[in-house]
Amino acid sequence: MMAPAAQDDSKLLLHAYLDGELDPIHAIEMERCLASDPALAAERDRIAALRRLIGERLLQEPAPEGLVKRIEAAVGIRRHRARPSWRALAAAAILAALIASGTTWFMLRPGPAEASADLVVASHMRALMAPQSSNPGSTVASRSRRGSSISPTTDFR
């Protein structure tokens, strides 16, 4: 004979077994208990007869549609999804374009070191483009303390 606590557990598991809610390991264990315990087998037969009687005598009426929808909405089984409007789609596309262009500008903008390097290169290019003489003894413009004048200088290249 089983202990009272084990009998209570067996009765609870019996209901789960009859509902098909046990995993295969516990279902096999319950079948072994049913085969070895005649009282538990009698309880199974009694519960099965009660379920059949209830199924035969009670008419199954469908639930009202409004009740079904309220229950599904409360539990979250089925949600009515609204289709996005064209305005929302256009706004999303514009927002994505703005974010993409802003990110591109931020990533590709010159930093302070690049700006300084650009100024040095531009200054060097201007110096290279300035008119220079390749003849020794030619006249080049030079600046004196009194003002601007043209004087002969020698280029020793």
N, C-alpha and C. Protein backbone atom coordinates (compact mmCIF):
# COMPACT_ATOMS: atom_id res chain seq x y z
N MET A 1 0.83 -1.19 0.00
CA MET A 1 0.00 0.00 0.00
C MET A 1 0.87 1.25 0.00
N MET A 2 0.39 2.31 -0.61
CA MET A 2 1.15 3.53 -0.76
C MET A 2 0.96 4.43 0.45
N ALA A 3 1.92 5.33 0.66
CA ALA A 3 1.81 6.33 1.72
C ALA A 3 0.77 7.36 1.30
N PRO A 4 0.12 8.07 2.27
CA PRO A 4 -0.92 9.05 1.90
C PRO A 4 -0.43 10.16 0.98
N ALA A 5 0.80 10.66 1.19
CA ALA A 5 1.32 11.73 0.33
C ALA A 5 1.54 11.21 -1.08
N ALA A 6 2.04 9.99 -1.21
CA ALA A 6 2.27 9.40 -2.52
C ALA A 6 0.94 9.14 -3.22
N GLN A 7 -0.12 8.77 -2.43
CA GLN A 7 -1.44 8.54 -3.03
C GLN A 7 -2.01 9.84 -3.58
N ASP A 8 -1.84 10.95 -2.84
CA ASP A 8 -2.33 12.25 -3.31
C ASP A 8 -1.61 12.66 -4.59
N ASP A 9 -0.30 12.44 -4.62
CA ASP A 9 0.46 12.77 -5.83
C ASP A 9 0.01 11.90 -7.00
N SER A 10 -0.25 10.64 -6.71
CA SER A 10 -0.69 9.73 -7.77
C SER A 10 -2.03 10.16 -8.33
N LYS A 11 -2.95 10.64 -7.46
CA LYS A 11 -4.26 11.10 -7.95
C LYS A 11 -4.12 12.35 -8.81
N LEU A 12 -3.23 13.25 -8.39
CA LEU A 12 -3.01 14.46 -9.21
C LEU A 12 -2.37 14.10 -10.54
N LEU A 13 -1.41 13.20 -10.51
CA LEU A 13 -0.78 12.77 -11.75
C LEU A 13 -1.75 11.99 -12.62
N LEU A 14 -2.72 11.28 -11.98
CA LEU A 14 -3.72 10.54 -12.74
C LEU A 14 -4.56 11.49 -13.60
N HIS A 15 -4.96 12.62 -13.02
CA HIS A 15 -5.73 13.62 -13.78
C HIS A 15 -4.89 14.16 -14.94
N ALA A 16 -3.63 14.45 -14.69
CA ALA A 16 -2.75 14.93 -15.76
C ALA A 16 -2.56 13.85 -16.83
N TYR A 17 -2.49 12.58 -16.39
CA TYR A 17 -2.34 11.47 -17.33
C TYR A 17 -3.57 11.36 -18.23
N LEU A 18 -4.76 11.46 -17.65
CA LEU A 18 -5.99 11.35 -18.43
C LEU A 18 -6.19 12.54 -19.36
N ASP A 19 -5.63 13.70 -18.99
CA ASP A 19 -5.71 14.88 -19.86
C ASP A 19 -4.63 14.87 -20.94
N GLY A 20 -3.70 13.91 -20.86
CA GLY A 20 -2.62 13.84 -21.84
C GLY A 20 -1.56 14.89 -21.62
N GLU A 21 -1.36 15.32 -20.38
CA GLU A 21 -0.43 16.39 -20.10
C GLU A 21 0.91 15.90 -19.56
N LEU A 22 1.07 14.61 -19.36
CA LEU A 22 2.34 14.09 -18.83
C LEU A 22 3.34 13.86 -19.95
N ASP A 23 4.60 14.05 -19.62
CA ASP A 23 5.64 13.72 -20.59
C ASP A 23 5.75 12.19 -20.67
N PRO A 24 6.40 11.65 -21.70
CA PRO A 24 6.42 10.20 -21.90
C PRO A 24 6.98 9.41 -20.71
N ILE A 25 7.97 9.92 -20.05
CA ILE A 25 8.57 9.18 -18.92
C ILE A 25 7.56 9.06 -17.78
N HIS A 26 6.91 10.17 -17.42
CA HIS A 26 5.93 10.11 -16.33
C HIS A 26 4.69 9.33 -16.75
N ALA A 27 4.33 9.36 -18.03
CA ALA A 27 3.17 8.60 -18.50
C ALA A 27 3.43 7.10 -18.36
N ILE A 28 4.64 6.66 -18.72
CA ILE A 28 4.98 5.24 -18.55
C ILE A 28 4.98 4.85 -17.08
N GLU A 29 5.49 5.74 -16.25
CA GLU A 29 5.50 5.47 -14.80
C GLU A 29 4.07 5.36 -14.26
N MET A 30 3.17 6.23 -14.76
CA MET A 30 1.77 6.19 -14.31
C MET A 30 1.11 4.89 -14.78
N GLU A 31 1.41 4.44 -15.99
CA GLU A 31 0.84 3.18 -16.47
C GLU A 31 1.30 2.01 -15.60
N ARG A 32 2.53 2.03 -15.15
CA ARG A 32 3.02 0.98 -14.25
C ARG A 32 2.30 1.02 -12.92
N CYS A 33 2.08 2.26 -12.41
CA CYS A 33 1.35 2.39 -11.13
C CYS A 33 -0.09 1.90 -11.28
N LEU A 34 -0.72 2.19 -12.41
CA LEU A 34 -2.09 1.74 -12.65
C LEU A 34 -2.16 0.22 -12.73
N ALA A 35 -1.13 -0.38 -13.31
CA ALA A 35 -1.12 -1.84 -13.42
C ALA A 35 -0.89 -2.51 -12.06
N SER A 36 -0.16 -1.84 -11.18
CA SER A 36 0.17 -2.46 -9.89
C SER A 36 -0.79 -2.08 -8.77
N ASP A 37 -1.56 -0.99 -8.92
CA ASP A 37 -2.44 -0.53 -7.84
C ASP A 37 -3.90 -0.57 -8.32
N PRO A 38 -4.70 -1.54 -7.82
CA PRO A 38 -6.09 -1.64 -8.26
C PRO A 38 -6.95 -0.45 -7.83
N ALA A 39 -6.63 0.17 -6.71
CA ALA A 39 -7.41 1.34 -6.25
C ALA A 39 -7.21 2.51 -7.22
N LEU A 40 -5.99 2.69 -7.66
CA LEU A 40 -5.69 3.76 -8.61
C LEU A 40 -6.35 3.47 -9.96
N ALA A 41 -6.38 2.21 -10.36
CA ALA A 41 -7.04 1.83 -11.62
C ALA A 41 -8.54 2.08 -11.53
N ALA A 42 -9.14 1.80 -10.35
CA ALA A 42 -10.56 2.06 -10.15
C ALA A 42 -10.85 3.56 -10.21
N GLU A 43 -9.95 4.36 -9.64
CA GLU A 43 -10.10 5.82 -9.69
C GLU A 43 -10.03 6.30 -11.13
N ARG A 44 -9.13 5.71 -11.92
CA ARG A 44 -9.03 6.06 -13.34
C ARG A 44 -10.33 5.75 -14.07
N ASP A 45 -10.91 4.58 -13.80
CA ASP A 45 -12.17 4.21 -14.45
C ASP A 45 -13.30 5.14 -14.05
N ARG A 46 -13.33 5.53 -12.77
CA ARG A 46 -14.36 6.44 -12.27
C ARG A 46 -14.25 7.81 -12.95
N ILE A 47 -13.04 8.34 -13.06
CA ILE A 47 -12.82 9.65 -13.69
C ILE A 47 -13.16 9.58 -15.18
N ALA A 48 -12.78 8.51 -15.84
CA ALA A 48 -13.08 8.36 -17.26
C ALA A 48 -14.59 8.28 -17.50
N ALA A 49 -15.32 7.56 -16.62
CA ALA A 49 -16.78 7.47 -16.75
C ALA A 49 -17.42 8.84 -16.53
N LEU A 50 -16.91 9.59 -15.55
CA LEU A 50 -17.44 10.93 -15.29
C LEU A 50 -17.20 11.85 -16.50
N ARG A 51 -16.07 11.77 -17.11
CA ARG A 51 -15.77 12.59 -18.28
C ARG A 51 -16.70 12.25 -19.45
N ARG A 52 -16.93 10.95 -19.65
CA ARG A 52 -17.85 10.53 -20.72
C ARG A 52 -19.25 11.04 -20.46
N LEU A 53 -19.73 10.91 -19.21
CA LEU A 53 -21.07 11.34 -18.85
C LEU A 53 -21.24 12.85 -19.06
N ILE A 54 -20.26 13.61 -18.65
CA ILE A 54 -20.32 15.07 -18.84
C ILE A 54 -20.34 15.40 -20.32
N GLY A 55 -19.51 14.71 -21.10
CA GLY A 55 -19.47 14.96 -22.55
C GLY A 55 -20.78 14.63 -23.23
N GLU A 56 -21.52 13.59 -22.73
CA GLU A 56 -22.78 13.19 -23.35
C GLU A 56 -23.93 14.08 -22.93
N ARG A 57 -23.97 14.46 -21.68
CA ARG A 57 -25.13 15.18 -21.15
C ARG A 57 -25.09 16.69 -21.37
N LEU A 58 -23.93 17.26 -21.36
CA LEU A 58 -23.85 18.71 -21.53
C LEU A 58 -23.70 19.06 -23.00
N LEU A 59 -24.51 19.98 -23.44
CA LEU A 59 -24.41 20.44 -24.82
C LEU A 59 -23.28 21.45 -24.91
N GLN A 60 -22.55 21.35 -25.94
CA GLN A 60 -21.47 22.31 -26.14
C GLN A 60 -21.96 23.43 -27.04
N GLU A 61 -22.13 24.58 -26.43
CA GLU A 61 -22.54 25.75 -27.19
C GLU A 61 -21.32 26.60 -27.47
N PRO A 62 -21.26 27.14 -28.66
CA PRO A 62 -20.10 27.99 -28.95
C PRO A 62 -20.21 29.30 -28.15
N ALA A 63 -19.08 29.80 -27.77
CA ALA A 63 -19.03 31.07 -27.04
C ALA A 63 -19.38 32.20 -28.00
N PRO A 64 -20.04 33.25 -27.47
CA PRO A 64 -20.34 34.40 -28.34
C PRO A 64 -19.05 34.99 -28.91
N GLU A 65 -19.14 35.48 -30.13
CA GLU A 65 -17.96 36.00 -30.83
C GLU A 65 -17.30 37.15 -30.08
N GLY A 66 -18.11 38.02 -29.49
CA GLY A 66 -17.56 39.15 -28.73
C GLY A 66 -16.75 38.67 -27.53
N LEU A 67 -17.22 37.63 -26.87
CA LEU A 67 -16.50 37.08 -25.72
C LEU A 67 -15.18 36.47 -26.16
N VAL A 68 -15.20 35.76 -27.27
CA VAL A 68 -13.98 35.14 -27.78
C VAL A 68 -12.94 36.22 -28.09
N LYS A 69 -13.38 37.29 -28.75
CA LYS A 69 -12.45 38.37 -29.09
C LYS A 69 -11.89 39.06 -27.86
N ARG A 70 -12.74 39.29 -26.84
CA ARG A 70 -12.27 39.93 -25.62
C ARG A 70 -11.26 39.05 -24.88
N ILE A 71 -11.52 37.76 -24.84
CA ILE A 71 -10.60 36.84 -24.16
C ILE A 71 -9.27 36.78 -24.91
N GLU A 72 -9.34 36.68 -26.23
CA GLU A 72 -8.10 36.62 -27.01
C GLU A 72 -7.30 37.91 -26.88
N ALA A 73 -7.99 39.04 -26.83
CA ALA A 73 -7.28 40.31 -26.66
C ALA A 73 -6.68 40.42 -25.27
N ALA A 74 -7.38 39.94 -24.25
CA ALA A 74 -6.88 40.02 -22.88
C ALA A 74 -5.68 39.10 -22.68
N VAL A 75 -5.73 37.93 -23.28
CA VAL A 75 -4.65 36.97 -23.12
C VAL A 75 -3.50 37.28 -24.07
N GLY A 76 -3.80 37.93 -25.16
CA GLY A 76 -2.77 38.27 -26.13
C GLY A 76 -2.53 37.19 -27.16
N ILE A 77 -3.53 36.36 -27.40
CA ILE A 77 -3.38 35.29 -28.38
C ILE A 77 -3.33 35.86 -29.79
N ARG A 78 -4.30 36.67 -30.11
CA ARG A 78 -4.38 37.22 -31.46
C ARG A 78 -4.56 38.73 -31.34
N ARG A 79 -3.71 39.43 -32.01
CA ARG A 79 -3.80 40.89 -31.98
C ARG A 79 -4.19 41.39 -33.36
N HIS A 80 -5.05 42.36 -33.35
CA HIS A 80 -5.44 42.97 -34.61
C HIS A 80 -4.37 43.99 -34.97
N ARG A 81 -3.66 43.72 -36.04
CA ARG A 81 -2.59 44.63 -36.44
C ARG A 81 -3.12 45.60 -37.48
N ALA A 82 -2.91 46.84 -37.21
CA ALA A 82 -3.29 47.86 -38.18
C ALA A 82 -2.19 47.95 -39.23
N ARG A 83 -2.59 48.05 -40.47
CA ARG A 83 -1.60 48.19 -41.53
C ARG A 83 -1.03 49.59 -41.50
N PRO A 84 0.27 49.72 -41.67
CA PRO A 84 0.85 51.07 -41.65
C PRO A 84 0.37 51.88 -42.85
N SER A 85 0.16 53.14 -42.61
CA SER A 85 -0.32 54.01 -43.68
C SER A 85 0.86 54.43 -44.57
N TRP A 86 0.52 54.99 -45.73
CA TRP A 86 1.55 55.46 -46.64
C TRP A 86 2.30 56.63 -46.04
N ARG A 87 1.62 57.42 -45.25
CA ARG A 87 2.29 58.56 -44.61
C ARG A 87 3.36 58.08 -43.64
N ALA A 88 3.03 57.05 -42.87
CA ALA A 88 4.01 56.51 -41.93
C ALA A 88 5.20 55.91 -42.67
N LEU A 89 4.92 55.24 -43.79
CA LEU A 89 5.99 54.66 -44.59
C LEU A 89 6.89 55.75 -45.18
N ALA A 90 6.28 56.83 -45.68
CA ALA A 90 7.06 57.94 -46.24
C ALA A 90 7.89 58.62 -45.16
N ALA A 91 7.30 58.81 -43.99
CA ALA A 91 8.04 59.43 -42.89
C ALA A 91 9.22 58.56 -42.47
N ALA A 92 9.02 57.27 -42.44
CA ALA A 92 10.11 56.36 -42.08
C ALA A 92 11.23 56.41 -43.12
N ALA A 93 10.87 56.49 -44.40
CA ALA A 93 11.88 56.56 -45.46
C ALA A 93 12.67 57.86 -45.38
N ILE A 94 11.98 58.97 -45.13
CA ILE A 94 12.66 60.26 -45.01
C ILE A 94 13.58 60.27 -43.80
N LEU A 95 13.10 59.74 -42.70
CA LEU A 95 13.92 59.67 -41.49
C LEU A 95 15.16 58.81 -41.72
N ALA A 96 15.00 57.70 -42.40
CA ALA A 96 16.15 56.83 -42.68
C ALA A 96 17.15 57.56 -43.57
N ALA A 97 16.66 58.31 -44.58
CA ALA A 97 17.56 59.04 -45.46
C ALA A 97 18.31 60.14 -44.71
N LEU A 98 17.62 60.84 -43.81
CA LEU A 98 18.27 61.89 -43.03
C LEU A 98 19.33 61.30 -42.10
N ILE A 99 19.01 60.21 -41.47
CA ILE A 99 19.97 59.59 -40.56
C ILE A 99 21.19 59.08 -41.35
N ALA A 100 20.94 58.48 -42.51
CA ALA A 100 22.05 57.98 -43.33
C ALA A 100 22.94 59.11 -43.82
N SER A 101 22.34 60.20 -44.30
CA SER A 101 23.15 61.30 -44.81
C SER A 101 23.89 62.01 -43.68
N GLY A 102 23.25 62.16 -42.53
CA GLY A 102 23.93 62.76 -41.38
C GLY A 102 25.10 61.92 -40.90
N THR A 103 24.92 60.63 -40.88
CA THR A 103 26.00 59.74 -40.46
C THR A 103 27.14 59.78 -41.47
N THR A 104 26.81 59.81 -42.75
CA THR A 104 27.85 59.89 -43.78
C THR A 104 28.64 61.18 -43.66
N TRP A 105 27.95 62.31 -43.49
CA TRP A 105 28.64 63.59 -43.33
C TRP A 105 29.53 63.57 -42.10
N PHE A 106 29.03 63.03 -41.00
CA PHE A 106 29.79 62.99 -39.76
C PHE A 106 31.05 62.14 -39.90
N MET A 107 30.93 61.03 -40.61
CA MET A 107 32.08 60.14 -40.74
C MET A 107 33.10 60.66 -41.76
N LEU A 108 32.67 61.39 -42.76
CA LEU A 108 33.57 61.83 -43.82
C LEU A 108 34.04 63.27 -43.68
N ARG A 109 33.58 64.01 -42.72
CA ARG A 109 34.01 65.40 -42.58
C ARG A 109 35.48 65.45 -42.17
N PRO A 110 36.20 66.48 -42.62
CA PRO A 110 37.61 66.55 -42.26
C PRO A 110 37.77 66.95 -40.80
N GLY A 111 38.70 66.32 -40.15
CA GLY A 111 38.98 66.65 -38.76
C GLY A 111 39.96 67.80 -38.70
N PRO A 112 40.31 68.27 -37.50
CA PRO A 112 41.23 69.41 -37.38
C PRO A 112 42.62 69.10 -37.95
N ALA A 113 43.10 67.89 -37.80
CA ALA A 113 44.42 67.54 -38.34
C ALA A 113 44.38 67.54 -39.86
N GLU A 114 43.29 67.07 -40.44
CA GLU A 114 43.18 67.06 -41.89
C GLU A 114 43.10 68.48 -42.44
N ALA A 115 42.41 69.37 -41.74
CA ALA A 115 42.28 70.75 -42.19
C ALA A 115 43.65 71.43 -42.18
N SER A 116 44.47 71.19 -41.17
CA SER A 116 45.82 71.77 -41.11
C SER A 116 46.67 71.22 -42.23
N ALA A 117 46.58 69.95 -42.48
CA ALA A 117 47.36 69.35 -43.56
C ALA A 117 46.92 69.93 -44.90
N ASP A 118 45.63 70.14 -45.09
CA ASP A 118 45.13 70.74 -46.33
C ASP A 118 45.68 72.15 -46.51
N LEU A 119 45.77 72.93 -45.42
CA LEU A 119 46.31 74.29 -45.51
C LEU A 119 47.79 74.27 -45.88
N VAL A 120 48.56 73.35 -45.32
CA VAL A 120 49.99 73.26 -45.64
C VAL A 120 50.18 72.88 -47.10
N VAL A 121 49.41 71.90 -47.58
CA VAL A 121 49.53 71.47 -48.97
C VAL A 121 49.13 72.60 -49.91
N ALA A 122 48.05 73.32 -49.60
CA ALA A 122 47.61 74.43 -50.45
C ALA A 122 48.67 75.53 -50.49
N SER A 123 49.27 75.83 -49.36
CA SER A 123 50.32 76.85 -49.31
C SER A 123 51.52 76.42 -50.14
N HIS A 124 51.89 75.17 -50.06
CA HIS A 124 53.01 74.65 -50.84
C HIS A 124 52.70 74.73 -52.33
N MET A 125 51.49 74.36 -52.70
CA MET A 125 51.10 74.41 -54.11
C MET A 125 51.13 75.85 -54.64
N ARG A 126 50.68 76.81 -53.84
CA ARG A 126 50.75 78.21 -54.26
C ARG A 126 52.19 78.65 -54.44
N ALA A 127 53.07 78.19 -53.55
CA ALA A 127 54.48 78.57 -53.66
C ALA A 127 55.09 77.98 -54.93
N LEU A 128 54.70 76.78 -55.28
CA LEU A 128 55.23 76.17 -56.48
C LEU A 128 54.70 76.84 -57.74
N MET A 129 53.52 77.40 -57.66
CA MET A 129 52.91 78.05 -58.83
C MET A 129 53.35 79.49 -59.01
N ALA A 130 54.07 80.06 -58.05
CA ALA A 130 54.52 81.45 -58.15
C ALA A 130 55.58 81.57 -59.24
N PRO A 131 55.65 82.72 -59.90
CA PRO A 131 56.64 82.87 -60.97
C PRO A 131 58.05 82.87 -60.40
N GLN A 132 58.92 82.04 -60.98
CA GLN A 132 60.32 81.97 -60.56
C GLN A 132 61.20 82.08 -61.79
N SER A 133 62.35 82.64 -61.57
CA SER A 133 63.29 82.82 -62.68
C SER A 133 64.29 81.68 -62.68
N SER A 134 64.64 81.23 -63.88
CA SER A 134 65.65 80.19 -63.97
C SER A 134 66.96 80.76 -64.55
N ASN A 135 66.96 82.05 -64.99
CA ASN A 135 68.16 82.69 -65.53
C ASN A 135 68.92 83.40 -64.43
N PRO A 136 70.22 83.17 -64.33
CA PRO A 136 70.98 83.96 -63.36
C PRO A 136 71.09 85.40 -63.86
N GLY A 137 70.96 86.30 -62.98
CA GLY A 137 71.09 87.70 -63.31
C GLY A 137 69.81 88.32 -63.81
N SER A 138 68.72 87.61 -63.76
CA SER A 138 67.47 88.21 -64.22
C SER A 138 66.90 89.07 -63.11
N THR A 139 65.97 89.90 -63.47
CA THR A 139 65.36 90.79 -62.48
C THR A 139 64.15 90.15 -61.87
N VAL A 140 64.10 90.19 -60.54
CA VAL A 140 62.96 89.69 -59.79
C VAL A 140 62.51 90.76 -58.84
N ALA A 141 61.31 90.75 -58.54
CA ALA A 141 60.79 91.76 -57.62
C ALA A 141 61.27 91.43 -56.22
N SER A 142 61.79 92.44 -55.55
CA SER A 142 62.19 92.26 -54.15
C SER A 142 61.66 93.42 -53.35
N ARG A 143 61.50 93.25 -52.13
CA ARG A 143 60.93 94.26 -51.26
C ARG A 143 62.04 94.85 -50.40
N SER A 144 62.13 96.12 -50.43
CA SER A 144 63.10 96.77 -49.56
C SER A 144 62.37 97.44 -48.41
N ARG A 145 63.16 98.07 -47.54
CA ARG A 145 62.52 98.73 -46.39
C ARG A 145 61.77 99.98 -46.82
N ARG A 146 62.13 100.55 -47.90
CA ARG A 146 61.49 101.78 -48.34
C ARG A 146 60.29 101.54 -49.21
N GLY A 147 60.07 100.33 -49.62
CA GLY A 147 58.94 100.08 -50.50
C GLY A 147 59.27 98.99 -51.48
N SER A 148 58.50 98.90 -52.45
CA SER A 148 58.65 97.85 -53.43
C SER A 148 59.49 98.36 -54.60
N SER A 149 60.45 97.56 -55.01
CA SER A 149 61.25 97.96 -56.16
C SER A 149 61.73 96.72 -56.88
N ILE A 150 62.17 96.90 -58.10
CA ILE A 150 62.69 95.79 -58.88
C ILE A 150 64.20 96.00 -58.97
N SER A 151 64.92 94.99 -58.54
CA SER A 151 66.37 95.09 -58.58
C SER A 151 66.94 93.81 -59.12
N PRO A 152 68.10 93.88 -59.80
CA PRO A 152 68.69 92.67 -60.32
C PRO A 152 69.25 91.80 -59.19
N THR A 153 68.93 90.54 -59.21
CA THR A 153 69.48 89.60 -58.23
C THR A 153 70.01 88.41 -58.98
N THR A 154 70.85 87.71 -58.35
CA THR A 154 71.44 86.55 -58.97
C THR A 154 70.82 85.32 -58.36
N ASP A 155 70.46 84.42 -59.21
CA ASP A 155 69.87 83.16 -58.74
C ASP A 155 70.95 82.10 -58.91
N PHE A 156 71.44 81.53 -57.83
CA PHE A 156 72.55 80.56 -57.88
C PHE A 156 72.05 79.13 -57.82
N ARG A 157 71.33 78.76 -58.73
CA ARG A 157 70.86 77.37 -58.75
C ARG A 157 71.66 76.52 -59.66
